[in-house]
Amino acid sequence: MKSGLRVPVWATALGWCLAILFLGSYFFVTHAVMRGLVPTFGWNAGDLATATFGTVAMGLGVVWLVALAELPEIWYLHRRPHRLMHQGRCPACGHPIREAGVDRCGECGIDASWLPAPYVFGWRAARRFAGTLMLGFLFGVFAAEVSIALDEDRMRSTIEARTVRDGGTPAGATDLNITFNRAWPASFSRVEWSSRYGFTPERILAP
């Protein structure tokens, strides 16, 4: 029997967008923190790979959200019909049937006692989650790298502005030091600038 149940296109699109946004936000925070733990300033392939490996490892913390991309389907195809029947309405279209005392819905023709099978996790959910997870990962890592690059440009601009204000750094001023805190969520990480060594990131996990 065809149930007539379907998930609205807008709900599917919204569910996917919210799932990607949620996972992207998680990976944005995770990757930014990992980059703050790696003692580097500027772009470096090795340090980026190290931070990305840590971000991938932290991705294991969200595998329990495997049904995240199927939430619209779970609601519209499994949970909502039970809710409608409990309210005395057709489980497929929501038309009132309790007061009518009929065996079939006069609106869509569905058996008034019909209910869909409970939701069962399957490979389709795993494939959907894998795709959502990958998109969220790419979105989060890219956003984190852009945020880090903008933050480091802010540090460089501060040094340049101070140099212009002071008329250039004297050659003998080797004791000039400025400490920067990275932007959130890596605000725990600091970068020091000195007239002798330039930008030197703080080593947090280094022995």
N, C-alpha and C. Protein backbone atom coordinates (compact mmCIF):
# COMPACT_ATOMS: atom_id res chain seq x y z
N MET A 1 0.84 -1.20 0.00
CA MET A 1 0.00 0.00 0.00
C MET A 1 0.87 1.24 0.00
N LYS A 2 0.54 2.14 -0.89
CA LYS A 2 1.27 3.39 -0.90
C LYS A 2 0.74 4.30 0.20
N SER A 3 1.61 4.79 1.00
CA SER A 3 1.20 5.59 2.15
C SER A 3 0.87 7.03 1.79
N GLY A 4 1.44 7.54 0.73
CA GLY A 4 1.24 8.94 0.39
C GLY A 4 2.11 9.87 1.20
N LEU A 5 2.92 9.32 2.07
CA LEU A 5 3.80 10.14 2.89
C LEU A 5 5.00 10.58 2.08
N ARG A 6 5.40 11.81 2.29
CA ARG A 6 6.60 12.31 1.63
C ARG A 6 7.19 13.43 2.46
N VAL A 7 8.47 13.67 2.25
CA VAL A 7 9.17 14.74 2.96
C VAL A 7 9.17 15.97 2.06
N PRO A 8 8.69 17.12 2.54
CA PRO A 8 8.71 18.33 1.71
C PRO A 8 10.13 18.67 1.27
N VAL A 9 10.24 19.18 0.06
CA VAL A 9 11.56 19.53 -0.47
C VAL A 9 12.25 20.56 0.43
N TRP A 10 11.46 21.53 0.91
CA TRP A 10 12.06 22.57 1.75
C TRP A 10 12.60 22.00 3.05
N ALA A 11 11.90 20.98 3.59
CA ALA A 11 12.37 20.37 4.83
C ALA A 11 13.66 19.59 4.60
N THR A 12 13.74 18.89 3.47
CA THR A 12 14.96 18.16 3.15
C THR A 12 16.13 19.11 2.97
N ALA A 13 15.91 20.19 2.21
CA ALA A 13 16.97 21.18 1.97
C ALA A 13 17.39 21.85 3.28
N LEU A 14 16.40 22.23 4.09
CA LEU A 14 16.71 22.88 5.37
C LEU A 14 17.46 21.93 6.29
N GLY A 15 17.04 20.66 6.31
CA GLY A 15 17.72 19.69 7.15
C GLY A 15 19.17 19.51 6.77
N TRP A 16 19.44 19.41 5.47
CA TRP A 16 20.81 19.27 5.00
C TRP A 16 21.63 20.51 5.32
N CYS A 17 21.05 21.69 5.09
CA CYS A 17 21.79 22.93 5.35
C CYS A 17 22.13 23.07 6.83
N LEU A 18 21.17 22.77 7.70
CA LEU A 18 21.41 22.88 9.13
C LEU A 18 22.43 21.84 9.61
N ALA A 19 22.37 20.64 9.04
CA ALA A 19 23.34 19.60 9.41
C ALA A 19 24.75 20.00 8.99
N ILE A 20 24.88 20.52 7.77
CA ILE A 20 26.21 20.96 7.30
C ILE A 20 26.70 22.15 8.11
N LEU A 21 25.79 23.07 8.43
CA LEU A 21 26.18 24.24 9.23
C LEU A 21 26.62 23.83 10.63
N PHE A 22 25.91 22.89 11.23
CA PHE A 22 26.27 22.42 12.57
C PHE A 22 27.63 21.74 12.57
N LEU A 23 27.81 20.81 11.64
CA LEU A 23 29.10 20.10 11.56
C LEU A 23 30.22 21.06 11.15
N GLY A 24 29.92 22.00 10.24
CA GLY A 24 30.93 22.98 9.85
C GLY A 24 31.37 23.84 11.01
N SER A 25 30.42 24.24 11.87
CA SER A 25 30.77 25.03 13.06
C SER A 25 31.64 24.22 14.01
N TYR A 26 31.32 22.94 14.15
CA TYR A 26 32.11 22.07 15.02
C TYR A 26 33.55 21.96 14.51
N PHE A 27 33.69 21.73 13.21
CA PHE A 27 35.03 21.58 12.65
C PHE A 27 35.77 22.92 12.58
N PHE A 28 35.03 24.03 12.46
CA PHE A 28 35.67 25.34 12.50
C PHE A 28 36.36 25.55 13.85
N VAL A 29 35.62 25.31 14.92
CA VAL A 29 36.18 25.48 16.27
C VAL A 29 37.33 24.50 16.49
N THR A 30 37.11 23.24 16.11
CA THR A 30 38.13 22.21 16.32
C THR A 30 39.42 22.53 15.57
N HIS A 31 39.31 22.90 14.30
CA HIS A 31 40.51 23.16 13.51
C HIS A 31 41.23 24.42 13.98
N ALA A 32 40.47 25.45 14.34
CA ALA A 32 41.10 26.67 14.84
C ALA A 32 41.87 26.39 16.13
N VAL A 33 41.30 25.56 17.00
CA VAL A 33 42.00 25.20 18.24
C VAL A 33 43.25 24.39 17.92
N MET A 34 43.14 23.44 17.01
CA MET A 34 44.30 22.63 16.64
C MET A 34 45.41 23.50 16.05
N ARG A 35 45.04 24.47 15.25
CA ARG A 35 46.05 25.37 14.67
C ARG A 35 46.68 26.24 15.74
N GLY A 36 45.91 26.55 16.79
CA GLY A 36 46.47 27.31 17.90
C GLY A 36 47.45 26.50 18.72
N LEU A 37 47.26 25.18 18.72
CA LEU A 37 48.17 24.30 19.47
C LEU A 37 49.47 24.05 18.72
N VAL A 38 49.43 24.18 17.40
CA VAL A 38 50.63 23.95 16.59
C VAL A 38 51.44 25.25 16.55
N PRO A 39 52.69 25.22 16.97
CA PRO A 39 53.50 26.45 17.02
C PRO A 39 53.93 26.92 15.63
N THR A 40 53.05 27.65 14.95
CA THR A 40 53.37 28.13 13.62
C THR A 40 52.73 29.49 13.40
N PHE A 41 53.34 30.25 12.51
CA PHE A 41 52.78 31.54 12.11
C PHE A 41 52.88 31.61 10.60
N GLY A 42 51.76 31.88 9.96
CA GLY A 42 51.75 31.84 8.50
C GLY A 42 51.39 30.45 8.00
N TRP A 43 51.42 30.30 6.69
CA TRP A 43 51.01 29.03 6.09
C TRP A 43 52.21 28.11 5.95
N ASN A 44 52.04 26.87 6.44
CA ASN A 44 53.07 25.86 6.32
C ASN A 44 52.39 24.52 6.10
N ALA A 45 52.77 23.81 5.05
CA ALA A 45 52.09 22.56 4.68
C ALA A 45 52.18 21.52 5.78
N GLY A 46 53.35 21.38 6.40
CA GLY A 46 53.52 20.38 7.45
C GLY A 46 52.67 20.68 8.67
N ASP A 47 52.66 21.94 9.10
CA ASP A 47 51.85 22.31 10.27
C ASP A 47 50.37 22.22 9.97
N LEU A 48 49.99 22.56 8.74
CA LEU A 48 48.59 22.42 8.35
C LEU A 48 48.16 20.96 8.37
N ALA A 49 49.04 20.08 7.89
CA ALA A 49 48.71 18.65 7.90
C ALA A 49 48.58 18.13 9.32
N THR A 50 49.45 18.59 10.22
CA THR A 50 49.38 18.16 11.62
C THR A 50 48.06 18.59 12.25
N ALA A 51 47.69 19.86 12.03
CA ALA A 51 46.45 20.36 12.59
C ALA A 51 45.24 19.66 11.98
N THR A 52 45.30 19.40 10.67
CA THR A 52 44.18 18.73 10.01
C THR A 52 44.02 17.30 10.51
N PHE A 53 45.13 16.62 10.78
CA PHE A 53 45.05 15.26 11.34
C PHE A 53 44.34 15.29 12.69
N GLY A 54 44.68 16.28 13.51
CA GLY A 54 44.00 16.41 14.80
C GLY A 54 42.52 16.71 14.63
N THR A 55 42.18 17.50 13.63
CA THR A 55 40.77 17.82 13.36
C THR A 55 40.01 16.58 12.93
N VAL A 56 40.63 15.76 12.08
CA VAL A 56 40.00 14.51 11.65
C VAL A 56 39.78 13.58 12.84
N ALA A 57 40.78 13.50 13.72
CA ALA A 57 40.65 12.64 14.90
C ALA A 57 39.50 13.12 15.79
N MET A 58 39.36 14.43 15.94
CA MET A 58 38.27 14.97 16.75
C MET A 58 36.91 14.75 16.09
N GLY A 59 36.92 14.47 14.79
CA GLY A 59 35.67 14.18 14.11
C GLY A 59 35.01 12.91 14.60
N LEU A 60 35.78 12.05 15.26
CA LEU A 60 35.20 10.83 15.84
C LEU A 60 34.20 11.17 16.93
N GLY A 61 34.28 12.39 17.45
CA GLY A 61 33.36 12.77 18.52
C GLY A 61 31.94 13.06 18.04
N VAL A 62 31.73 13.09 16.73
CA VAL A 62 30.38 13.38 16.23
C VAL A 62 29.80 12.21 15.44
N VAL A 63 30.43 11.05 15.47
CA VAL A 63 29.90 9.92 14.71
C VAL A 63 28.56 9.44 15.25
N TRP A 64 28.28 9.76 16.52
CA TRP A 64 26.99 9.35 17.08
C TRP A 64 25.83 10.13 16.48
N LEU A 65 26.13 11.19 15.72
CA LEU A 65 25.09 11.98 15.05
C LEU A 65 24.81 11.43 13.66
N VAL A 66 24.98 10.12 13.49
CA VAL A 66 24.91 9.52 12.17
C VAL A 66 23.55 9.72 11.52
N ALA A 67 22.48 9.89 12.30
CA ALA A 67 21.15 10.09 11.72
C ALA A 67 20.81 11.56 11.54
N LEU A 68 21.79 12.42 11.69
CA LEU A 68 21.53 13.87 11.64
C LEU A 68 20.90 14.30 10.33
N ALA A 69 21.42 13.79 9.21
CA ALA A 69 20.91 14.20 7.90
C ALA A 69 19.54 13.63 7.59
N GLU A 70 19.07 12.68 8.40
CA GLU A 70 17.77 12.05 8.14
C GLU A 70 16.68 12.54 9.09
N LEU A 71 16.96 13.58 9.86
CA LEU A 71 15.96 14.07 10.81
C LEU A 71 14.65 14.48 10.13
N PRO A 72 14.67 15.17 8.97
CA PRO A 72 13.39 15.48 8.32
C PRO A 72 12.60 14.23 7.96
N GLU A 73 13.30 13.20 7.45
CA GLU A 73 12.61 11.96 7.10
C GLU A 73 12.07 11.27 8.34
N ILE A 74 12.83 11.24 9.41
CA ILE A 74 12.38 10.60 10.65
C ILE A 74 11.10 11.27 11.15
N TRP A 75 11.04 12.60 11.03
CA TRP A 75 9.86 13.31 11.52
C TRP A 75 8.65 13.09 10.61
N TYR A 76 8.83 13.34 9.32
CA TYR A 76 7.69 13.31 8.42
C TYR A 76 7.21 11.89 8.08
N LEU A 77 8.09 10.92 8.04
CA LEU A 77 7.71 9.57 7.62
C LEU A 77 7.50 8.60 8.77
N HIS A 78 7.94 8.96 9.98
CA HIS A 78 7.84 8.02 11.09
C HIS A 78 7.21 8.62 12.35
N ARG A 79 7.71 9.77 12.79
CA ARG A 79 7.21 10.33 14.05
C ARG A 79 5.89 11.07 13.87
N ARG A 80 5.74 11.87 12.84
CA ARG A 80 4.55 12.68 12.65
C ARG A 80 3.28 11.85 12.46
N PRO A 81 3.30 10.74 11.68
CA PRO A 81 2.08 9.94 11.55
C PRO A 81 1.54 9.44 12.89
N HIS A 82 2.42 9.01 13.79
CA HIS A 82 1.97 8.55 15.11
C HIS A 82 1.35 9.69 15.88
N ARG A 83 1.92 10.87 15.76
CA ARG A 83 1.39 12.04 16.46
C ARG A 83 0.01 12.41 15.93
N LEU A 84 -0.17 12.35 14.60
CA LEU A 84 -1.45 12.68 14.01
C LEU A 84 -2.53 11.68 14.42
N MET A 85 -2.18 10.39 14.42
CA MET A 85 -3.16 9.38 14.81
C MET A 85 -3.58 9.56 16.26
N HIS A 86 -2.63 9.90 17.12
CA HIS A 86 -2.94 10.14 18.53
C HIS A 86 -3.91 11.31 18.68
N GLN A 87 -3.88 12.24 17.74
CA GLN A 87 -4.78 13.40 17.77
C GLN A 87 -6.10 13.13 17.07
N GLY A 88 -6.30 11.88 16.60
CA GLY A 88 -7.53 11.55 15.91
C GLY A 88 -7.59 12.01 14.49
N ARG A 89 -6.44 12.13 13.86
CA ARG A 89 -6.37 12.61 12.48
C ARG A 89 -5.72 11.55 11.61
N CYS A 90 -5.85 11.70 10.32
CA CYS A 90 -5.27 10.75 9.37
C CYS A 90 -3.75 10.78 9.49
N PRO A 91 -3.11 9.62 9.64
CA PRO A 91 -1.65 9.62 9.79
C PRO A 91 -0.90 10.05 8.54
N ALA A 92 -1.59 10.11 7.40
CA ALA A 92 -0.93 10.49 6.15
C ALA A 92 -1.12 11.97 5.81
N CYS A 93 -2.38 12.43 5.83
CA CYS A 93 -2.64 13.81 5.40
C CYS A 93 -3.07 14.73 6.52
N GLY A 94 -3.40 14.17 7.70
CA GLY A 94 -3.80 14.99 8.84
C GLY A 94 -5.28 15.34 8.87
N HIS A 95 -6.08 14.79 7.97
CA HIS A 95 -7.52 15.07 7.95
C HIS A 95 -8.19 14.44 9.16
N PRO A 96 -9.12 15.15 9.84
CA PRO A 96 -9.80 14.57 11.02
C PRO A 96 -10.59 13.33 10.64
N ILE A 97 -10.40 12.23 11.39
CA ILE A 97 -11.13 10.99 11.10
C ILE A 97 -11.79 10.40 12.35
N ARG A 98 -11.39 10.82 13.53
CA ARG A 98 -11.95 10.23 14.75
C ARG A 98 -13.43 10.54 14.87
N GLU A 99 -13.82 11.81 14.62
CA GLU A 99 -15.22 12.18 14.75
C GLU A 99 -16.07 11.53 13.66
N ALA A 100 -15.46 11.29 12.50
CA ALA A 100 -16.22 10.71 11.39
C ALA A 100 -16.51 9.23 11.62
N GLY A 101 -15.70 8.54 12.41
CA GLY A 101 -15.90 7.12 12.69
C GLY A 101 -15.79 6.25 11.45
N VAL A 102 -14.88 6.57 10.54
CA VAL A 102 -14.71 5.81 9.30
C VAL A 102 -13.44 4.97 9.36
N ASP A 103 -13.40 3.98 8.48
CA ASP A 103 -12.23 3.10 8.42
C ASP A 103 -11.15 3.62 7.48
N ARG A 104 -11.55 4.48 6.58
CA ARG A 104 -10.60 5.03 5.63
C ARG A 104 -10.76 6.55 5.60
N CYS A 105 -9.63 7.21 5.36
CA CYS A 105 -9.64 8.67 5.31
C CYS A 105 -10.38 9.14 4.06
N GLY A 106 -11.33 10.05 4.24
CA GLY A 106 -12.08 10.55 3.10
C GLY A 106 -11.29 11.52 2.24
N GLU A 107 -10.11 11.95 2.72
CA GLU A 107 -9.31 12.90 1.98
C GLU A 107 -8.30 12.23 1.07
N CYS A 108 -7.57 11.23 1.63
CA CYS A 108 -6.52 10.58 0.84
C CYS A 108 -6.76 9.09 0.64
N GLY A 109 -7.76 8.50 1.33
CA GLY A 109 -8.09 7.10 1.13
C GLY A 109 -7.24 6.12 1.90
N ILE A 110 -6.40 6.60 2.79
CA ILE A 110 -5.53 5.71 3.57
C ILE A 110 -6.34 5.04 4.68
N ASP A 111 -6.04 3.77 4.96
CA ASP A 111 -6.65 3.06 6.08
C ASP A 111 -6.43 3.86 7.36
N ALA A 112 -7.50 4.12 8.09
CA ALA A 112 -7.42 4.97 9.27
C ALA A 112 -6.54 4.37 10.36
N SER A 113 -6.32 3.06 10.32
CA SER A 113 -5.49 2.42 11.35
C SER A 113 -4.06 2.17 10.88
N TRP A 114 -3.74 2.63 9.68
CA TRP A 114 -2.41 2.39 9.13
C TRP A 114 -1.36 3.26 9.80
N LEU A 115 -0.22 2.68 10.09
CA LEU A 115 0.91 3.42 10.63
C LEU A 115 2.19 2.93 9.96
N PRO A 116 3.13 3.82 9.68
CA PRO A 116 4.39 3.39 9.05
C PRO A 116 5.24 2.59 10.02
N ALA A 117 6.15 1.82 9.46
CA ALA A 117 7.06 1.04 10.30
C ALA A 117 8.01 1.98 11.03
N PRO A 118 8.51 1.58 12.19
CA PRO A 118 9.46 2.44 12.92
C PRO A 118 10.72 2.68 12.09
N TYR A 119 11.37 3.78 12.40
CA TYR A 119 12.60 4.11 11.69
C TYR A 119 13.68 3.09 12.03
N VAL A 120 14.40 2.66 10.99
CA VAL A 120 15.49 1.70 11.16
C VAL A 120 16.74 2.28 10.51
N PHE A 121 17.81 2.31 11.27
CA PHE A 121 19.07 2.81 10.73
C PHE A 121 19.61 1.85 9.68
N GLY A 122 20.07 2.40 8.56
CA GLY A 122 20.60 1.58 7.49
C GLY A 122 21.79 2.24 6.82
N TRP A 123 22.26 1.59 5.75
CA TRP A 123 23.43 2.10 5.03
C TRP A 123 23.15 3.43 4.36
N ARG A 124 21.89 3.66 3.98
CA ARG A 124 21.56 4.94 3.36
C ARG A 124 21.83 6.09 4.33
N ALA A 125 21.47 5.88 5.59
CA ALA A 125 21.73 6.92 6.60
C ALA A 125 23.23 7.12 6.78
N ALA A 126 23.99 6.02 6.75
CA ALA A 126 25.44 6.13 6.89
C ALA A 126 26.05 6.88 5.71
N ARG A 127 25.57 6.61 4.50
CA ARG A 127 26.08 7.30 3.32
C ARG A 127 25.73 8.78 3.36
N ARG A 128 24.51 9.08 3.76
CA ARG A 128 24.11 10.48 3.86
C ARG A 128 24.96 11.22 4.90
N PHE A 129 25.17 10.57 6.02
CA PHE A 129 25.96 11.22 7.07
C PHE A 129 27.39 11.41 6.61
N ALA A 130 27.94 10.43 5.89
CA ALA A 130 29.31 10.56 5.39
C ALA A 130 29.44 11.77 4.46
N GLY A 131 28.45 11.95 3.59
CA GLY A 131 28.48 13.10 2.70
C GLY A 131 28.34 14.42 3.46
N THR A 132 27.43 14.44 4.43
CA THR A 132 27.24 15.64 5.24
C THR A 132 28.48 15.94 6.06
N LEU A 133 29.09 14.89 6.61
CA LEU A 133 30.29 15.06 7.42
C LEU A 133 31.43 15.63 6.58
N MET A 134 31.59 15.14 5.37
CA MET A 134 32.67 15.62 4.50
C MET A 134 32.47 17.09 4.13
N LEU A 135 31.23 17.45 3.78
CA LEU A 135 30.95 18.84 3.45
C LEU A 135 31.16 19.75 4.65
N GLY A 136 30.71 19.31 5.82
CA GLY A 136 30.91 20.10 7.03
C GLY A 136 32.38 20.24 7.37
N PHE A 137 33.14 19.18 7.16
CA PHE A 137 34.58 19.21 7.43
C PHE A 137 35.28 20.23 6.52
N LEU A 138 34.99 20.16 5.23
CA LEU A 138 35.62 21.08 4.28
C LEU A 138 35.22 22.52 4.57
N PHE A 139 33.95 22.73 4.85
CA PHE A 139 33.47 24.08 5.16
C PHE A 139 34.13 24.62 6.43
N GLY A 140 34.20 23.79 7.47
CA GLY A 140 34.77 24.23 8.74
C GLY A 140 36.26 24.52 8.65
N VAL A 141 37.01 23.63 8.00
CA VAL A 141 38.46 23.83 7.88
C VAL A 141 38.76 25.06 7.04
N PHE A 142 38.04 25.23 5.94
CA PHE A 142 38.26 26.41 5.09
C PHE A 142 37.96 27.69 5.86
N ALA A 143 36.84 27.72 6.59
CA ALA A 143 36.48 28.92 7.35
C ALA A 143 37.51 29.20 8.44
N ALA A 144 38.03 28.14 9.07
CA ALA A 144 39.04 28.33 10.11
C ALA A 144 40.33 28.89 9.53
N GLU A 145 40.76 28.38 8.38
CA GLU A 145 41.98 28.88 7.76
C GLU A 145 41.84 30.34 7.33
N VAL A 146 40.67 30.70 6.82
CA VAL A 146 40.44 32.10 6.45
C VAL A 146 40.47 32.99 7.69
N SER A 147 39.84 32.54 8.77
CA SER A 147 39.84 33.31 10.01
C SER A 147 41.24 33.49 10.57
N ILE A 148 42.05 32.43 10.50
CA ILE A 148 43.43 32.50 11.00
C ILE A 148 44.26 33.45 10.16
N ALA A 149 44.09 33.38 8.83
CA ALA A 149 44.84 34.27 7.94
C ALA A 149 44.49 35.73 8.20
N LEU A 150 43.20 36.02 8.39
CA LEU A 150 42.79 37.40 8.68
C LEU A 150 43.33 37.87 10.03
N ASP A 151 43.35 36.96 11.00
CA ASP A 151 43.88 37.33 12.31
C ASP A 151 45.38 37.62 12.25
N GLU A 152 46.12 36.83 11.49
CA GLU A 152 47.55 37.07 11.36
C GLU A 152 47.83 38.35 10.57
N ASP A 153 46.96 38.66 9.60
CA ASP A 153 47.10 39.94 8.90
C ASP A 153 46.88 41.11 9.85
N ARG A 154 45.96 40.92 10.81
CA ARG A 154 45.74 41.96 11.82
C ARG A 154 47.00 42.20 12.64
N MET A 155 47.70 41.12 13.00
CA MET A 155 48.94 41.26 13.76
C MET A 155 50.00 42.00 12.94
N ARG A 156 50.13 41.62 11.67
CA ARG A 156 51.12 42.29 10.82
C ARG A 156 50.79 43.77 10.66
N SER A 157 49.49 44.06 10.49
CA SER A 157 49.09 45.46 10.33
C SER A 157 49.38 46.27 11.59
N THR A 158 49.24 45.65 12.74
CA THR A 158 49.53 46.34 14.00
C THR A 158 51.01 46.70 14.09
N ILE A 159 51.87 45.75 13.70
CA ILE A 159 53.31 46.01 13.72
C ILE A 159 53.68 47.08 12.71
N GLU A 160 53.09 47.01 11.52
CA GLU A 160 53.39 48.02 10.50
C GLU A 160 52.93 49.40 10.94
N ALA A 161 51.75 49.47 11.57
CA ALA A 161 51.25 50.76 12.03
C ALA A 161 52.14 51.33 13.13
N ARG A 162 52.61 50.47 14.00
CA ARG A 162 53.50 50.95 15.07
C ARG A 162 54.84 51.39 14.50
N THR A 163 55.34 50.68 13.50
CA THR A 163 56.61 51.05 12.87
C THR A 163 56.51 52.42 12.22
N VAL A 164 55.39 52.64 11.52
CA VAL A 164 55.18 53.94 10.88
C VAL A 164 55.06 55.04 11.94
N ARG A 165 54.33 54.73 13.02
CA ARG A 165 54.14 55.72 14.07
C ARG A 165 55.46 56.10 14.74
N ASP A 166 56.31 55.10 14.94
CA ASP A 166 57.60 55.34 15.61
C ASP A 166 58.70 55.74 14.65
N GLY A 167 58.37 55.85 13.38
CA GLY A 167 59.37 56.25 12.41
C GLY A 167 60.35 55.15 12.07
N GLY A 168 59.93 53.89 12.17
CA GLY A 168 60.81 52.77 11.88
C GLY A 168 61.42 52.22 13.15
N THR A 169 61.74 50.93 13.15
CA THR A 169 62.33 50.29 14.32
C THR A 169 63.83 50.52 14.33
N PRO A 170 64.36 51.13 15.34
CA PRO A 170 65.81 51.36 15.41
C PRO A 170 66.57 50.04 15.35
N ALA A 171 67.70 50.06 14.70
CA ALA A 171 68.48 48.83 14.54
C ALA A 171 68.92 48.26 15.87
N GLY A 172 69.14 49.11 16.85
CA GLY A 172 69.61 48.60 18.14
C GLY A 172 68.51 48.27 19.11
N ALA A 173 67.25 48.46 18.73
CA ALA A 173 66.15 48.20 19.67
C ALA A 173 65.80 46.73 19.65
N THR A 174 66.64 45.94 20.26
CA THR A 174 66.43 44.49 20.26
C THR A 174 65.55 44.03 21.41
N ASP A 175 65.13 44.94 22.29
CA ASP A 175 64.34 44.55 23.44
C ASP A 175 62.86 44.85 23.25
N LEU A 176 62.46 45.25 22.05
CA LEU A 176 61.06 45.56 21.79
C LEU A 176 60.28 44.27 21.58
N ASN A 177 59.24 44.04 22.40
CA ASN A 177 58.42 42.82 22.31
C ASN A 177 56.94 43.19 22.40
N ILE A 178 56.14 42.55 21.57
CA ILE A 178 54.69 42.72 21.58
C ILE A 178 54.05 41.34 21.58
N THR A 179 53.06 41.13 22.45
CA THR A 179 52.38 39.84 22.54
C THR A 179 50.96 39.97 22.01
N PHE A 180 50.60 39.06 21.12
CA PHE A 180 49.24 39.02 20.55
C PHE A 180 48.54 37.75 21.02
N ASN A 181 47.26 37.85 21.26
CA ASN A 181 46.42 36.68 21.48
C ASN A 181 45.68 36.39 20.19
N ARG A 182 45.67 35.13 19.80
CA ARG A 182 44.92 34.77 18.58
C ARG A 182 43.43 34.99 18.81
N ALA A 183 42.71 35.10 17.71
CA ALA A 183 41.26 35.30 17.78
C ALA A 183 40.57 34.05 18.28
N TRP A 184 39.36 34.23 18.82
CA TRP A 184 38.54 33.09 19.25
C TRP A 184 38.31 32.16 18.06
N PRO A 185 38.33 30.86 18.24
CA PRO A 185 38.35 30.11 19.50
C PRO A 185 39.74 29.70 19.96
N ALA A 186 40.78 30.24 19.36
CA ALA A 186 42.16 29.90 19.75
C ALA A 186 42.77 31.03 20.57
N SER A 187 41.93 31.72 21.35
CA SER A 187 42.41 32.87 22.11
C SER A 187 43.38 32.49 23.23
N PHE A 188 43.47 31.19 23.52
CA PHE A 188 44.44 30.73 24.53
C PHE A 188 45.87 30.76 23.99
N SER A 189 46.00 30.80 22.67
CA SER A 189 47.32 30.77 22.02
C SER A 189 47.84 32.18 21.81
N ARG A 190 49.13 32.36 22.07
CA ARG A 190 49.73 33.69 21.94
C ARG A 190 50.86 33.66 20.91
N VAL A 191 51.05 34.82 20.28
CA VAL A 191 52.12 35.02 19.32
C VAL A 191 52.92 36.23 19.77
N GLU A 192 54.22 36.07 19.90
CA GLU A 192 55.07 37.18 20.30
C GLU A 192 55.83 37.73 19.09
N TRP A 193 55.96 39.04 19.07
CA TRP A 193 56.75 39.69 18.04
C TRP A 193 57.89 40.45 18.70
N SER A 194 59.08 40.27 18.18
CA SER A 194 60.24 41.01 18.68
C SER A 194 60.98 41.59 17.48
N SER A 195 61.67 42.68 17.71
CA SER A 195 62.41 43.33 16.63
C SER A 195 63.56 42.46 16.16
N ARG A 196 63.96 41.48 16.92
CA ARG A 196 65.07 40.62 16.54
C ARG A 196 64.60 39.37 15.80
N TYR A 197 63.53 38.71 16.33
CA TYR A 197 63.10 37.42 15.77
C TYR A 197 61.82 37.50 14.95
N GLY A 198 61.14 38.62 14.99
CA GLY A 198 59.88 38.72 14.27
C GLY A 198 58.78 37.99 15.02
N PHE A 199 57.85 37.37 14.27
CA PHE A 199 56.73 36.67 14.91
C PHE A 199 57.16 35.28 15.36
N THR A 200 56.91 34.99 16.64
CA THR A 200 57.27 33.69 17.22
C THR A 200 56.06 33.15 17.96
N PRO A 201 55.40 32.12 17.45
CA PRO A 201 54.23 31.56 18.14
C PRO A 201 54.62 30.84 19.42
N GLU A 202 53.75 30.87 20.39
CA GLU A 202 53.98 30.19 21.66
C GLU A 202 53.91 28.68 21.48
N ARG A 203 54.84 27.97 22.07
CA ARG A 203 54.82 26.51 22.03
C ARG A 203 54.05 25.99 23.24
N ILE A 204 52.91 25.35 22.94
CA ILE A 204 52.05 24.85 24.03
C ILE A 204 52.27 23.37 24.30
N LEU A 205 52.28 22.58 23.24
CA LEU A 205 52.45 21.13 23.39
C LEU A 205 53.85 20.65 23.14
N ALA A 206 54.75 21.55 22.72
CA ALA A 206 56.11 21.13 22.42
C ALA A 206 56.83 20.74 23.71
N PRO A 207 57.71 19.71 23.69
CA PRO A 207 58.43 19.30 24.90
C PRO A 207 59.42 20.35 25.34
